Amino acid sequence: MAAVLALDAAPGRGGATAALSHRSAAELWGLLRPGNGPVDVSLSSRGGRRNRRGVRIHRPVALAASEIARLRGIPVTSSARTLADLRAVVPRGEFRRAVRQADFLGLPTGPDVGSDRTRSELERRFLWLCRRHRLPLPAVNLRVGWLTVDFCWTEQRLAVETDGYRAHRGRAAFEDDRARDLELHIRGYEVLHLSHPQVFDEPQRVVALLRAKLAGGAR
């Protein structure tokens, strides 16, 4: 509670809203057992400090007023928005348990929970870009041989891997990525790797590249 109120009242916020979110919101709603990690807080503003001690700050693409509730006096993302955010930060089995608990408690889960198959905030942002700019929608986390590909247009033989730094740093990750690329090339796919800054900060360049690749690879 203190973390949310402190961020909401921080100077220079420009009217931005702070709400408990992700795992912390799931714990407050009773969807997950309480843990000992940092407090997750989502801000409706993209400016200001990144984190502070004991608080993990999230800045979603959009956080509507309708997605914020008040539970026990604490501003918190709605149960449906909480589940949508939770999907990106917990293992699949834990997420499914949270959904079942929401059903048991009679809480709204939202029409899109579990439907777009994304596994991270970066993947959700990329899929949102495709929808926003009316690109042909890719298959999400599709099995191609022994691989699971983040995004795939099978007709155009185009694969996109959205690479967060933490999951792709180090020698082992480097070698795994090269092996994945080789396998996809053998199967006839062109592979594009897009980083977090590219997807979030250079959307127009990403969209232009995708348009060109999808138009050129259409069969």
Protein backbone atom coordinates (compact mmCIF):
# COMPACT_ATOMS: atom_id res chain seq x y z
CA MET A 1 0.00 0.00 0.00
CA ALA A 2 2.74 2.45 0.98
CA ALA A 3 4.67 1.76 -2.24
CA VAL A 4 1.62 2.50 -4.41
CA LEU A 5 0.69 5.69 -2.57
CA ALA A 6 4.27 6.97 -2.54
CA LEU A 7 4.61 6.56 -6.30
CA ASP A 8 1.16 7.98 -6.96
CA ALA A 9 2.01 11.09 -4.97
CA ALA A 10 5.56 11.52 -6.28
CA PRO A 11 6.30 15.06 -7.55
CA GLY A 12 6.47 15.59 -11.30
CA ARG A 13 4.18 12.68 -12.03
CA GLY A 14 1.84 14.81 -14.17
CA GLY A 15 -1.32 13.11 -12.93
CA ALA A 16 -0.08 9.59 -13.66
CA THR A 17 -1.76 6.74 -11.81
CA ALA A 18 -0.02 4.03 -9.78
CA ALA A 19 -1.62 0.66 -9.08
CA LEU A 20 -0.49 -2.62 -7.59
CA SER A 21 -0.05 -5.07 -10.49
CA HIS A 22 1.38 -8.36 -11.78
CA ARG A 23 2.27 -10.88 -9.06
CA SER A 24 1.60 -8.45 -6.21
CA ALA A 25 -1.90 -7.76 -7.55
CA ALA A 26 -2.51 -11.49 -7.97
CA GLU A 27 -1.57 -12.04 -4.33
CA LEU A 28 -3.90 -9.25 -3.21
CA TRP A 29 -6.79 -10.72 -5.23
CA GLY A 30 -6.08 -14.12 -3.66
CA LEU A 31 -5.03 -15.73 -6.95
CA LEU A 32 -1.52 -16.62 -5.73
CA ARG A 33 0.00 -17.26 -2.34
CA PRO A 34 1.92 -14.31 -0.88
CA GLY A 35 5.62 -14.25 -1.69
CA ASN A 36 8.69 -12.37 -0.51
CA GLY A 37 9.71 -10.56 -3.69
CA PRO A 38 9.53 -6.85 -4.51
CA VAL A 39 6.20 -5.07 -4.81
CA ASP A 40 4.96 -4.82 -8.42
CA VAL A 41 3.49 -1.42 -9.32
CA SER A 42 2.26 -0.29 -12.74
CA LEU A 43 2.39 3.37 -13.72
CA SER A 44 0.31 5.02 -16.41
CA SER A 45 3.26 7.32 -17.19
CA ARG A 46 6.42 6.27 -19.02
CA GLY A 47 8.58 8.98 -17.43
CA GLY A 48 10.38 9.21 -14.10
CA ARG A 49 12.43 6.74 -12.10
CA ARG A 50 12.76 3.16 -13.24
CA ASN A 51 12.76 1.41 -9.85
CA ARG A 52 13.19 2.07 -6.17
CA ARG A 53 14.19 -0.19 -3.31
CA GLY A 54 11.69 -2.99 -2.77
CA VAL A 55 9.49 -1.86 -5.67
CA ARG A 56 9.46 -3.22 -9.23
CA ILE A 57 7.96 -0.61 -11.56
CA HIS A 58 6.09 -1.55 -14.77
CA ARG A 59 5.10 0.94 -17.45
CA PRO A 60 2.52 -0.77 -19.66
CA VAL A 61 1.67 0.43 -23.16
CA ALA A 62 -1.76 1.44 -21.82
CA LEU A 63 -3.43 1.36 -18.43
CA ALA A 64 -7.04 2.52 -18.62
CA ALA A 65 -8.99 3.79 -15.62
CA SER A 66 -11.42 0.89 -16.16
CA GLU A 67 -8.53 -1.52 -15.52
CA ILE A 68 -7.89 -0.18 -12.01
CA ALA A 69 -9.94 -1.22 -8.99
CA ARG A 70 -9.63 -0.56 -5.26
CA LEU A 71 -9.31 -3.56 -2.98
CA ARG A 72 -8.90 -3.15 0.80
CA GLY A 73 -8.27 0.52 0.10
CA ILE A 74 -5.37 -0.22 -2.29
CA PRO A 75 -5.36 0.82 -5.97
CA VAL A 76 -4.85 -2.44 -7.90
CA THR A 77 -5.21 -3.61 -11.48
CA SER A 78 -8.53 -5.34 -12.13
CA SER A 79 -8.60 -9.13 -11.88
CA ALA A 80 -8.76 -9.42 -15.68
CA ARG A 81 -5.85 -7.03 -16.24
CA THR A 82 -3.90 -8.71 -13.44
CA LEU A 83 -4.22 -12.07 -15.18
CA ALA A 84 -3.22 -10.60 -18.52
CA ASP A 85 -0.06 -9.13 -16.92
CA LEU A 86 0.62 -12.21 -14.82
CA ARG A 87 0.85 -14.44 -17.86
CA ALA A 88 4.14 -12.78 -18.82
CA VAL A 89 5.89 -13.19 -15.46
CA VAL A 90 5.03 -16.64 -14.09
CA PRO A 91 5.35 -20.19 -15.42
CA ARG A 92 2.42 -21.51 -17.44
CA GLY A 93 1.30 -23.93 -14.72
CA GLU A 94 1.23 -21.20 -12.09
CA PHE A 95 -0.71 -18.94 -14.41
CA ARG A 96 -3.32 -21.61 -15.05
CA ARG A 97 -3.72 -22.10 -11.30
CA ALA A 98 -4.32 -18.36 -10.93
CA VAL A 99 -6.99 -18.49 -13.64
CA ARG A 100 -8.70 -21.43 -11.94
CA GLN A 101 -8.62 -19.57 -8.62
CA ALA A 102 -10.20 -16.51 -10.26
CA ASP A 103 -12.94 -18.73 -11.65
CA PHE A 104 -13.47 -20.25 -8.19
CA LEU A 105 -13.73 -16.79 -6.60
CA GLY A 106 -16.09 -15.60 -9.32
CA LEU A 107 -13.70 -12.86 -10.48
CA PRO A 108 -13.76 -11.60 -14.08
CA THR A 109 -10.91 -13.07 -16.11
CA GLY A 110 -11.44 -11.12 -19.34
CA PRO A 111 -12.08 -12.46 -22.84
CA ASP A 112 -8.44 -12.52 -23.90
CA VAL A 113 -6.76 -14.38 -21.04
CA GLY A 114 -4.71 -17.19 -22.46
CA SER A 115 -5.96 -16.56 -25.99
CA ASP A 116 -3.05 -14.75 -27.68
CA ARG A 117 -0.40 -17.24 -26.44
CA THR A 118 2.15 -14.51 -25.65
CA ARG A 119 4.56 -15.14 -22.78
CA SER A 120 6.07 -11.72 -22.05
CA GLU A 121 5.41 -8.00 -22.14
CA LEU A 122 7.77 -7.76 -25.12
CA GLU A 123 5.79 -10.38 -27.06
CA ARG A 124 2.50 -8.65 -26.21
CA ARG A 125 3.88 -5.33 -27.43
CA PHE A 126 5.02 -6.88 -30.72
CA LEU A 127 1.62 -8.51 -31.30
CA TRP A 128 -0.05 -5.20 -30.44
CA LEU A 129 2.09 -3.49 -33.12
CA CYS A 130 0.92 -6.01 -35.71
CA ARG A 131 -2.71 -5.36 -34.79
CA ARG A 132 -2.28 -1.60 -34.50
CA HIS A 133 -0.77 -1.32 -37.97
CA ARG A 134 -3.07 -3.94 -39.54
CA LEU A 135 -0.32 -6.34 -40.49
CA PRO A 136 -1.26 -9.97 -41.15
CA LEU A 137 -1.34 -11.57 -37.71
CA PRO A 138 1.37 -14.18 -37.10
CA ALA A 139 1.07 -17.50 -35.35
CA VAL A 140 2.30 -17.02 -31.76
CA ASN A 141 4.73 -19.44 -30.10
CA LEU A 142 4.28 -21.94 -32.89
CA ARG A 143 6.03 -25.30 -32.96
CA VAL A 144 8.33 -25.58 -35.98
CA GLY A 145 10.08 -28.94 -35.81
CA TRP A 146 11.70 -29.12 -32.36
CA LEU A 147 11.55 -25.35 -31.91
CA THR A 148 8.95 -22.99 -30.50
CA VAL A 149 9.11 -19.79 -32.55
CA ASP A 150 7.93 -16.51 -30.99
CA PHE A 151 6.10 -15.33 -34.13
CA CYS A 152 5.73 -16.99 -37.47
CA TRP A 153 4.12 -16.30 -40.83
CA THR A 154 4.14 -19.76 -42.37
CA GLU A 155 2.95 -18.74 -45.82
CA GLN A 156 5.65 -16.08 -46.18
CA ARG A 157 8.21 -18.30 -44.41
CA LEU A 158 9.10 -15.50 -42.02
CA ALA A 159 9.94 -15.98 -38.33
CA VAL A 160 10.44 -13.26 -35.73
CA GLU A 161 12.21 -13.80 -32.43
CA THR A 162 11.75 -11.04 -29.82
CA ASP A 163 14.92 -11.13 -27.77
CA GLY A 164 14.95 -9.78 -24.24
CA TYR A 165 18.49 -9.20 -22.96
CA ARG A 166 18.26 -11.37 -19.85
CA ALA A 167 17.14 -14.48 -21.72
CA HIS A 168 19.68 -14.12 -24.53
CA ARG A 169 22.93 -13.06 -22.89
CA GLY A 170 25.93 -15.31 -22.38
CA ARG A 171 27.78 -17.86 -24.48
CA ALA A 172 25.22 -20.66 -24.07
CA ALA A 173 22.34 -18.40 -25.17
CA PHE A 174 24.42 -17.15 -28.11
CA GLU A 175 25.12 -20.71 -29.28
CA ASP A 176 21.48 -21.76 -28.78
CA ASP A 177 20.28 -18.82 -30.87
CA ARG A 178 22.65 -19.72 -33.69
CA ALA A 179 21.44 -23.34 -33.61
CA ARG A 180 17.81 -22.16 -33.74
CA ASP A 181 18.52 -19.86 -36.66
CA LEU A 182 20.27 -22.64 -38.58
CA GLU A 183 17.36 -25.02 -38.04
CA LEU A 184 14.85 -22.42 -39.23
CA HIS A 185 16.95 -21.59 -42.28
CA ILE A 186 17.12 -25.29 -43.14
CA ARG A 187 13.31 -25.36 -42.96
CA GLY A 188 13.10 -22.43 -45.36
CA TYR A 189 12.42 -19.57 -42.93
CA GLU A 190 13.98 -16.14 -42.83
CA VAL A 191 14.58 -15.12 -39.21
CA LEU A 192 14.38 -11.59 -37.82
CA HIS A 193 15.63 -10.81 -34.31
CA LEU A 194 14.06 -7.78 -32.63
CA SER A 195 15.23 -6.34 -29.30
CA HIS A 196 13.18 -4.70 -26.58
CA PRO A 197 14.33 -1.15 -27.52
CA GLN A 198 13.53 -1.76 -31.19
CA VAL A 199 9.99 -2.96 -30.49
CA PHE A 200 9.20 -0.28 -27.89
CA ASP A 201 11.22 2.70 -29.14
CA GLU A 202 11.41 2.21 -32.92
CA PRO A 203 7.96 0.83 -33.86
CA GLN A 204 7.77 2.62 -37.21
CA ARG A 205 11.03 1.05 -38.39
CA VAL A 206 9.90 -2.38 -37.19
CA VAL A 207 6.54 -2.06 -38.95
CA ALA A 208 8.18 -0.86 -42.17
CA LEU A 209 10.56 -3.82 -42.14
CA LEU A 210 7.74 -6.29 -41.54
CA ARG A 211 5.62 -4.81 -44.34
CA ALA A 212 8.50 -5.17 -46.77
CA LYS A 213 9.31 -8.72 -45.71
CA LEU A 214 5.70 -9.89 -45.75
CA ALA A 215 5.02 -8.31 -49.15
CA GLY A 216 8.21 -9.69 -50.64
CA GLY A 217 7.72 -13.18 -49.20
CA ALA A 218 4.02 -13.62 -50.04
CA ARG A 219 3.28 -16.68 -52.11
